[in-house]
Amino acid sequence: MNPSCIGVILAQIGTPDAPSAKAVRPYLKRFLSDRRIIDYHPLFWQPLLRGIILRTRPRRSAKLYQEIWMEEGSPLLVHSRAQQAALQALLGSSYQVELGLAYSTPGMAEAFRKLEASGVTRIIVLPLFPQYSSTTTASVYEAASFAALGRHSRYGQVSKRFVPALRFVEAYHDAPGYIAAMQSLLQRQIRAMSEEPDYYILSFHGIPRRYAETGDPYPQQCQETARLLAEAMGWTPERWQLSFQSRFGPETWVGPSTADTLKELHGRGIRRPLIFSPGLVTDCLETLHELAVEGRDLFVMGGGNAKMLEVAPCLNDTGEWISFLAGLVDCSAQGWHPSVAAAAASEQPL
């Protein structure tokens, strides 16, 4: 037991336990039942979800997962575990780092149980989403709050008497360390190529346009991230663009669409594009299949050469990225950590 230790929860959305329809179905059910993700009234949405979507989509999604599944398991979970281990090693014994997924295991409640079993009473929740969105960051904030309170919902039964102190890390879409970590990753990727790309696509996960129009700042933060990264890379405006991927359902989503963009590149005279997803910091289905497999097919459909499209990996557990996360944690722990408090006190005039 180390009561002075500060808990850190690396928060992610989640992933199925296996690449099978049986495993994908409960994951999708939890994910698509969250009204921050799909905000339709349950009386309308739940019959559609249970009666149609969960009868057909799990089989299709399972086939996609099978194509990217790693020997150690789900790519998102494997890379998230690597991020957890690297951050723990860098922060040292004054912190205890756990992984908390909003819609799968290891869940947020499990992360809190591990920390509290170690005597931790102060916890920093670090969403692995650089850009704030009500569909990701807010969902994680909510899941962490319920887990801390010992509830399953706002009106659920209270199961805990003691609630730990919580601090939530805010969006860091424009943080210099985050931009620098992506810059280093892309520079290494480009140096390893036989020929430099002639165009760059920065693809972010999309959200319905209606969400943005009613207050979600996500698209603006994506635009700022893209601008800062392009500036750091020295790209002129005609050499890059921003796009949004992963459209779901009949609503209009923020654009331009990554899928449409990939189909149009060859017709615009672009032969060697590179695509990178700044908002997804951990390789997962959306990067390994939607971009690297389906995206390549779309590029070919538009007349491009499949071998000429490069897809950069996510930040995953690269050193610059983990160092940046450690800095975020240390900043959030100000006033909590005894060494920080002692150092601050020693600087005060007598």
Protein backbone atom coordinates (compact mmCIF):
# COMPACT_ATOMS: atom_id res chain seq x y z
CA MET A 1 0.00 0.00 0.00
CA ASN A 2 1.28 3.43 -0.96
CA PRO A 3 -1.24 6.14 -0.05
CA SER A 4 1.08 8.87 -1.34
CA CYS A 5 1.11 7.31 -4.81
CA ILE A 6 -0.92 9.13 -7.47
CA GLY A 7 -3.11 7.07 -9.78
CA VAL A 8 -3.16 7.64 -13.53
CA ILE A 9 -5.81 6.17 -15.82
CA LEU A 10 -5.07 6.07 -19.53
CA ALA A 11 -8.58 6.28 -20.94
CA GLN A 12 -9.62 4.79 -24.28
CA ILE A 13 -12.89 3.86 -25.95
CA GLY A 14 -12.44 0.09 -26.15
CA THR A 15 -12.24 -2.95 -28.39
CA PRO A 16 -13.84 -6.40 -28.71
CA ASP A 17 -12.21 -9.25 -26.78
CA ALA A 18 -11.95 -11.39 -29.91
CA PRO A 19 -12.41 -11.05 -33.69
CA SER A 20 -15.74 -12.87 -33.66
CA ALA A 21 -19.35 -11.78 -34.04
CA LYS A 22 -20.05 -13.16 -30.55
CA ALA A 23 -17.40 -10.85 -29.05
CA VAL A 24 -18.11 -7.84 -31.27
CA ARG A 25 -21.85 -7.80 -30.50
CA PRO A 26 -21.69 -6.85 -26.77
CA TYR A 27 -18.97 -4.30 -27.47
CA LEU A 28 -21.07 -2.61 -30.17
CA LYS A 29 -24.15 -2.79 -27.98
CA ARG A 30 -22.44 -0.88 -25.17
CA PHE A 31 -20.77 1.57 -27.54
CA LEU A 32 -23.83 2.37 -29.64
CA SER A 33 -26.14 2.55 -26.60
CA ASP A 34 -24.21 5.50 -25.18
CA ARG A 35 -26.30 8.58 -25.89
CA ARG A 36 -23.16 10.66 -26.22
CA ILE A 37 -22.33 8.54 -29.26
CA ILE A 38 -25.84 8.22 -30.71
CA ASP A 39 -28.14 10.78 -29.13
CA TYR A 40 -31.44 9.59 -30.60
CA HIS A 41 -34.20 8.86 -28.10
CA PRO A 42 -33.96 5.24 -26.86
CA LEU A 43 -37.57 4.50 -27.85
CA PHE A 44 -36.53 5.13 -31.45
CA TRP A 45 -32.90 4.00 -31.40
CA GLN A 46 -32.91 0.84 -29.27
CA PRO A 47 -35.39 -1.14 -31.45
CA LEU A 48 -33.32 -0.20 -34.51
CA LEU A 49 -30.06 -1.09 -32.76
CA ARG A 50 -31.25 -4.43 -31.37
CA GLY A 51 -33.53 -5.40 -34.22
CA ILE A 52 -31.33 -4.60 -37.21
CA ILE A 53 -27.83 -3.27 -36.49
CA LEU A 54 -26.78 -5.86 -33.89
CA ARG A 55 -28.08 -8.66 -36.11
CA THR A 56 -25.92 -7.74 -39.09
CA ARG A 57 -23.03 -5.40 -38.20
CA PRO A 58 -21.16 -7.71 -35.74
CA ARG A 59 -20.51 -10.29 -38.46
CA ARG A 60 -19.19 -7.65 -40.87
CA SER A 61 -17.05 -5.99 -38.21
CA ALA A 62 -15.66 -9.33 -37.03
CA LYS A 63 -14.35 -10.05 -40.53
CA LEU A 64 -12.53 -6.73 -40.55
CA TYR A 65 -11.03 -7.38 -37.11
CA GLN A 66 -9.83 -10.80 -38.28
CA GLU A 67 -7.72 -9.10 -40.95
CA ILE A 68 -5.85 -6.90 -38.47
CA TRP A 69 -5.87 -9.03 -35.29
CA MET A 70 -2.44 -9.52 -33.76
CA GLU A 71 -1.05 -12.67 -32.19
CA GLU A 72 -1.19 -10.92 -28.79
CA GLY A 73 -4.77 -9.74 -29.33
CA SER A 74 -6.60 -6.60 -30.41
CA PRO A 75 -4.20 -4.00 -31.86
CA LEU A 76 -5.78 -1.22 -29.82
CA LEU A 77 -5.37 -3.17 -26.59
CA VAL A 78 -1.85 -4.36 -27.43
CA HIS A 79 -0.65 -0.83 -28.23
CA SER A 80 -2.53 0.65 -25.25
CA ARG A 81 -0.81 -1.83 -22.93
CA ALA A 82 2.54 -0.80 -24.42
CA GLN A 83 1.67 2.86 -23.79
CA GLN A 84 0.71 2.02 -20.20
CA ALA A 85 3.98 0.14 -19.56
CA ALA A 86 6.13 2.84 -21.13
CA LEU A 87 4.42 5.63 -19.19
CA GLN A 88 4.71 3.68 -15.94
CA ALA A 89 8.43 3.15 -16.52
CA LEU A 90 8.96 6.85 -17.21
CA LEU A 91 6.88 8.15 -14.28
CA GLY A 92 8.31 5.73 -11.73
CA SER A 93 6.97 4.47 -8.42
CA SER A 94 5.36 7.75 -7.37
CA TYR A 95 2.59 6.96 -9.85
CA GLN A 96 0.48 3.89 -10.62
CA VAL A 97 -0.69 3.78 -14.24
CA GLU A 98 -3.75 1.75 -15.22
CA LEU A 99 -5.68 1.36 -18.45
CA GLY A 100 -9.40 2.14 -18.41
CA LEU A 101 -11.63 1.42 -21.41
CA ALA A 102 -15.10 2.92 -21.62
CA TYR A 103 -16.86 0.04 -23.40
CA SER A 104 -14.75 -3.10 -22.89
CA THR A 105 -12.23 -4.74 -20.59
CA PRO A 106 -10.17 -3.67 -18.77
CA GLY A 107 -12.98 -1.29 -17.88
CA MET A 108 -12.95 1.97 -16.02
CA ALA A 109 -14.36 0.38 -12.86
CA GLU A 110 -11.59 -2.22 -12.91
CA ALA A 111 -8.95 0.51 -13.19
CA PHE A 112 -10.41 2.29 -10.15
CA ARG A 113 -10.55 -0.95 -8.15
CA LYS A 114 -6.86 -1.63 -8.80
CA LEU A 115 -5.85 1.88 -7.79
CA GLU A 116 -8.00 1.95 -4.68
CA ALA A 117 -6.76 -1.51 -3.65
CA SER A 118 -3.26 0.01 -3.67
CA GLY A 119 -4.37 2.78 -1.35
CA VAL A 120 -4.51 5.46 -4.04
CA THR A 121 -6.80 8.36 -3.11
CA ARG A 122 -5.91 10.84 -5.88
CA ILE A 123 -6.42 9.93 -9.52
CA ILE A 124 -5.62 11.68 -12.81
CA VAL A 125 -7.75 10.65 -15.78
CA LEU A 126 -5.86 11.09 -19.05
CA PRO A 127 -8.03 10.65 -22.17
CA LEU A 128 -6.04 9.45 -25.17
CA PHE A 129 -8.00 11.89 -27.33
CA PRO A 130 -6.02 15.06 -28.13
CA GLN A 131 -9.10 16.83 -29.52
CA TYR A 132 -12.13 17.19 -27.25
CA SER A 133 -15.39 15.68 -28.43
CA SER A 134 -18.60 14.91 -26.58
CA THR A 135 -18.46 11.47 -28.22
CA THR A 136 -15.04 10.54 -26.79
CA THR A 137 -13.62 12.83 -24.09
CA ALA A 138 -16.97 13.48 -22.43
CA SER A 139 -17.85 9.77 -22.55
CA VAL A 140 -14.59 8.96 -20.76
CA TYR A 141 -15.17 11.72 -18.18
CA GLU A 142 -18.61 10.28 -17.49
CA ALA A 143 -17.41 6.67 -17.27
CA ALA A 144 -14.62 7.68 -14.88
CA SER A 145 -16.98 9.72 -12.70
CA PHE A 146 -19.44 6.85 -12.36
CA ALA A 147 -16.62 4.42 -11.57
CA ALA A 148 -15.23 6.76 -8.92
CA LEU A 149 -18.68 7.13 -7.35
CA GLY A 150 -19.37 3.40 -7.49
CA ARG A 151 -22.42 3.81 -9.74
CA HIS A 152 -23.42 2.38 -13.08
CA SER A 153 -25.53 5.39 -14.00
CA ARG A 154 -26.67 8.73 -12.68
CA TYR A 155 -29.54 7.09 -10.81
CA GLY A 156 -27.82 3.82 -9.92
CA GLN A 157 -27.30 2.50 -6.42
CA VAL A 158 -24.25 3.83 -4.55
CA SER A 159 -21.77 1.04 -3.78
CA LYS A 160 -18.85 3.05 -2.33
CA ARG A 161 -18.48 5.21 0.75
CA PHE A 162 -15.16 6.83 -0.14
CA VAL A 163 -14.72 8.65 -3.45
CA PRO A 164 -11.16 9.46 -4.60
CA ALA A 165 -10.16 12.95 -5.70
CA LEU A 166 -10.22 13.23 -9.48
CA ARG A 167 -8.48 15.44 -11.98
CA PHE A 168 -9.27 15.29 -15.70
CA VAL A 169 -6.67 16.22 -18.31
CA GLU A 170 -8.22 18.65 -20.77
CA ALA A 171 -7.80 18.62 -24.56
CA TYR A 172 -4.22 19.04 -25.74
CA HIS A 173 -4.83 19.43 -29.46
CA ASP A 174 -2.46 22.38 -29.78
CA ALA A 175 0.19 21.38 -27.22
CA PRO A 176 3.72 21.85 -28.61
CA GLY A 177 4.87 18.45 -27.27
CA TYR A 178 2.03 16.65 -29.05
CA ILE A 179 2.76 18.44 -32.33
CA ALA A 180 6.48 17.72 -31.96
CA ALA A 181 5.85 14.02 -31.31
CA MET A 182 3.83 13.75 -34.54
CA GLN A 183 6.44 15.73 -36.43
CA SER A 184 9.19 13.33 -35.33
CA LEU A 185 7.08 10.30 -36.23
CA LEU A 186 6.31 11.60 -39.72
CA GLN A 187 9.88 12.67 -40.38
CA ARG A 188 11.10 9.15 -39.54
CA GLN A 189 8.40 7.68 -41.78
CA ILE A 190 9.34 9.92 -44.71
CA ARG A 191 13.07 9.28 -44.32
CA ALA A 192 12.41 5.53 -44.52
CA MET A 193 10.61 5.92 -47.87
CA SER A 194 12.40 5.59 -51.19
CA GLU A 195 10.68 8.73 -52.46
CA GLU A 196 9.05 11.60 -50.60
CA PRO A 197 5.22 11.77 -50.80
CA ASP A 198 3.75 14.35 -53.15
CA TYR A 199 0.70 14.96 -50.94
CA TYR A 200 -0.34 14.56 -47.30
CA ILE A 201 -3.81 13.77 -45.90
CA LEU A 202 -4.48 14.34 -42.21
CA SER A 203 -7.53 12.19 -41.48
CA PHE A 204 -9.53 12.60 -38.28
CA HIS A 205 -12.45 10.50 -37.03
CA GLY A 206 -15.63 12.34 -37.97
CA ILE A 207 -18.74 13.34 -36.02
CA PRO A 208 -22.22 14.31 -37.22
CA ARG A 209 -22.35 17.93 -38.34
CA ARG A 210 -25.31 18.45 -36.01
CA TYR A 211 -23.07 17.77 -32.99
CA ALA A 212 -20.66 20.48 -34.10
CA GLU A 213 -23.49 22.92 -34.79
CA THR A 214 -24.80 22.42 -31.25
CA GLY A 215 -21.55 23.11 -29.44
CA ASP A 216 -19.00 20.33 -29.92
CA PRO A 217 -15.63 22.08 -30.57
CA TYR A 218 -14.07 18.99 -32.14
CA PRO A 219 -13.86 20.09 -35.82
CA GLN A 220 -12.23 23.41 -34.91
CA GLN A 221 -9.67 21.64 -32.71
CA CYS A 222 -8.92 19.18 -35.52
CA GLN A 223 -8.34 22.09 -37.88
CA GLU A 224 -5.95 23.73 -35.41
CA THR A 225 -4.02 20.49 -34.91
CA ALA A 226 -3.72 20.02 -38.68
CA ARG A 227 -2.58 23.60 -39.20
CA LEU A 228 0.09 23.37 -36.51
CA LEU A 229 1.36 20.01 -37.75
CA ALA A 230 1.54 21.19 -41.37
CA GLU A 231 3.41 24.30 -40.21
CA ALA A 232 5.87 22.18 -38.21
CA MET A 233 6.44 19.92 -41.22
CA GLY A 234 6.96 22.86 -43.57
CA TRP A 235 4.13 21.84 -45.90
CA THR A 236 2.78 24.53 -48.20
CA PRO A 237 -1.05 24.73 -48.50
CA GLU A 238 -1.18 22.91 -51.85
CA ARG A 239 0.64 19.87 -50.43
CA TRP A 240 -1.79 18.79 -47.72
CA GLN A 241 -5.39 18.72 -46.56
CA LEU A 242 -7.59 17.71 -43.65
CA SER A 243 -10.37 15.13 -43.96
CA PHE A 244 -12.76 13.15 -41.75
CA GLN A 245 -13.36 9.39 -41.76
CA SER A 246 -15.61 6.69 -40.26
CA ARG A 247 -19.03 8.06 -41.22
CA PHE A 248 -21.87 6.05 -39.69
CA GLY A 249 -25.63 6.36 -40.23
CA PRO A 250 -27.75 8.60 -42.46
CA GLU A 251 -26.86 12.00 -40.95
CA THR A 252 -24.61 14.55 -42.61
CA TRP A 253 -21.14 14.45 -41.06
CA VAL A 254 -18.40 17.05 -40.96
CA GLY A 255 -16.25 16.98 -44.07
CA PRO A 256 -14.54 16.65 -46.39
CA SER A 257 -14.80 12.88 -46.39
CA THR A 258 -11.57 10.86 -46.32
CA ALA A 259 -13.18 8.19 -48.51
CA ASP A 260 -14.17 10.72 -51.19
CA THR A 261 -10.79 12.39 -51.00
CA LEU A 262 -8.90 9.14 -51.60
CA LYS A 263 -10.98 8.37 -54.67
CA GLU A 264 -10.25 11.80 -56.14
CA LEU A 265 -6.48 12.00 -55.58
CA HIS A 266 -5.31 10.36 -58.81
CA GLY A 267 -7.58 12.59 -60.86
CA ARG A 268 -5.93 15.60 -59.23
CA GLY A 269 -2.52 14.42 -60.37
CA ILE A 270 -1.43 13.05 -56.99
CA ARG A 271 0.61 9.85 -57.29
CA ARG A 272 2.37 9.27 -53.94
CA PRO A 273 0.08 10.34 -51.07
CA LEU A 274 0.74 9.72 -47.39
CA ILE A 275 -2.15 9.53 -44.96
CA PHE A 276 -1.86 10.02 -41.21
CA SER A 277 -4.45 10.19 -38.42
CA PRO A 278 -3.41 12.77 -35.79
CA GLY A 279 -6.51 12.29 -33.63
CA LEU A 280 -6.12 8.52 -33.26
CA VAL A 281 -2.98 8.03 -31.17
CA THR A 282 -3.26 4.22 -31.00
CA ASP A 283 -3.44 1.96 -34.06
CA CYS A 284 -6.85 0.31 -34.28
CA LEU A 285 -9.51 -0.80 -36.77
CA GLU A 286 -9.93 2.77 -38.06
CA THR A 287 -6.26 3.08 -39.03
CA LEU A 288 -5.15 -0.48 -39.76
CA HIS A 289 -8.17 -1.42 -41.85
CA GLU A 290 -10.24 1.63 -42.74
CA LEU A 291 -7.21 3.62 -43.90
CA ALA A 292 -4.57 1.02 -44.77
CA VAL A 293 -6.88 -1.56 -46.42
CA GLU A 294 -10.14 0.12 -47.44
CA GLY A 295 -8.36 3.42 -48.07
CA ARG A 296 -5.93 1.73 -50.44
CA ASP A 297 -8.85 0.17 -52.31
CA LEU A 298 -10.47 3.60 -52.67
CA PHE A 299 -7.25 5.11 -53.98
CA VAL A 300 -7.03 2.31 -56.59
CA MET A 301 -10.70 2.77 -57.46
CA GLY A 302 -9.87 6.34 -58.42
CA GLY A 303 -7.00 5.23 -60.66
CA GLY A 304 -4.10 5.26 -58.21
CA ASN A 305 -1.37 2.65 -57.72
CA ALA A 306 -1.92 0.69 -54.49
CA LYS A 307 1.82 0.48 -53.80
CA MET A 308 2.20 4.24 -53.93
CA LEU A 309 -0.15 5.03 -51.02
CA GLU A 310 1.64 5.25 -47.65
CA VAL A 311 -0.22 5.04 -44.34
CA ALA A 312 1.77 6.30 -41.35
CA PRO A 313 1.37 4.48 -38.02
CA CYS A 314 -0.16 6.16 -34.99
CA LEU A 315 1.97 7.57 -32.20
CA ASN A 316 1.50 4.34 -30.20
CA ASP A 317 4.38 4.07 -27.67
CA THR A 318 6.97 6.23 -29.43
CA GLY A 319 9.36 7.91 -27.02
CA GLU A 320 8.41 11.50 -27.81
CA TRP A 321 4.72 10.74 -27.30
CA ILE A 322 5.21 8.95 -23.97
CA SER A 323 7.46 11.77 -22.74
CA PHE A 324 4.74 14.25 -23.63
CA LEU A 325 2.12 12.23 -21.74
CA ALA A 326 4.42 12.07 -18.71
CA GLY A 327 4.66 15.85 -18.82
CA LEU A 328 0.86 16.15 -18.88
CA VAL A 329 0.62 13.90 -15.84
CA ASP A 330 3.28 15.80 -13.89
CA CYS A 331 1.55 19.09 -14.68
CA SER A 332 -1.81 17.71 -13.55
CA ALA A 333 -0.27 16.42 -10.30
CA GLN A 334 0.92 19.86 -9.19
CA GLY A 335 0.12 20.35 -5.53
CA TRP A 336 -0.60 16.64 -5.03
CA HIS A 337 2.82 15.09 -5.18
CA PRO A 338 4.87 15.56 -1.99
CA SER A 339 8.06 16.27 -3.94
CA VAL A 340 6.31 18.96 -5.98
CA ALA A 341 4.78 20.53 -2.86
CA ALA A 342 8.11 20.44 -1.02
CA ALA A 343 9.93 22.04 -3.94
CA ALA A 344 7.33 24.80 -4.14
CA ALA A 345 7.52 25.44 -0.39
CA SER A 346 11.31 25.66 -0.46
CA GLU A 347 11.12 28.48 -2.98
CA GLN A 348 8.89 30.63 -0.77
CA PRO A 349 10.62 33.57 1.02
CA LEU A 350 11.01 33.21 4.78
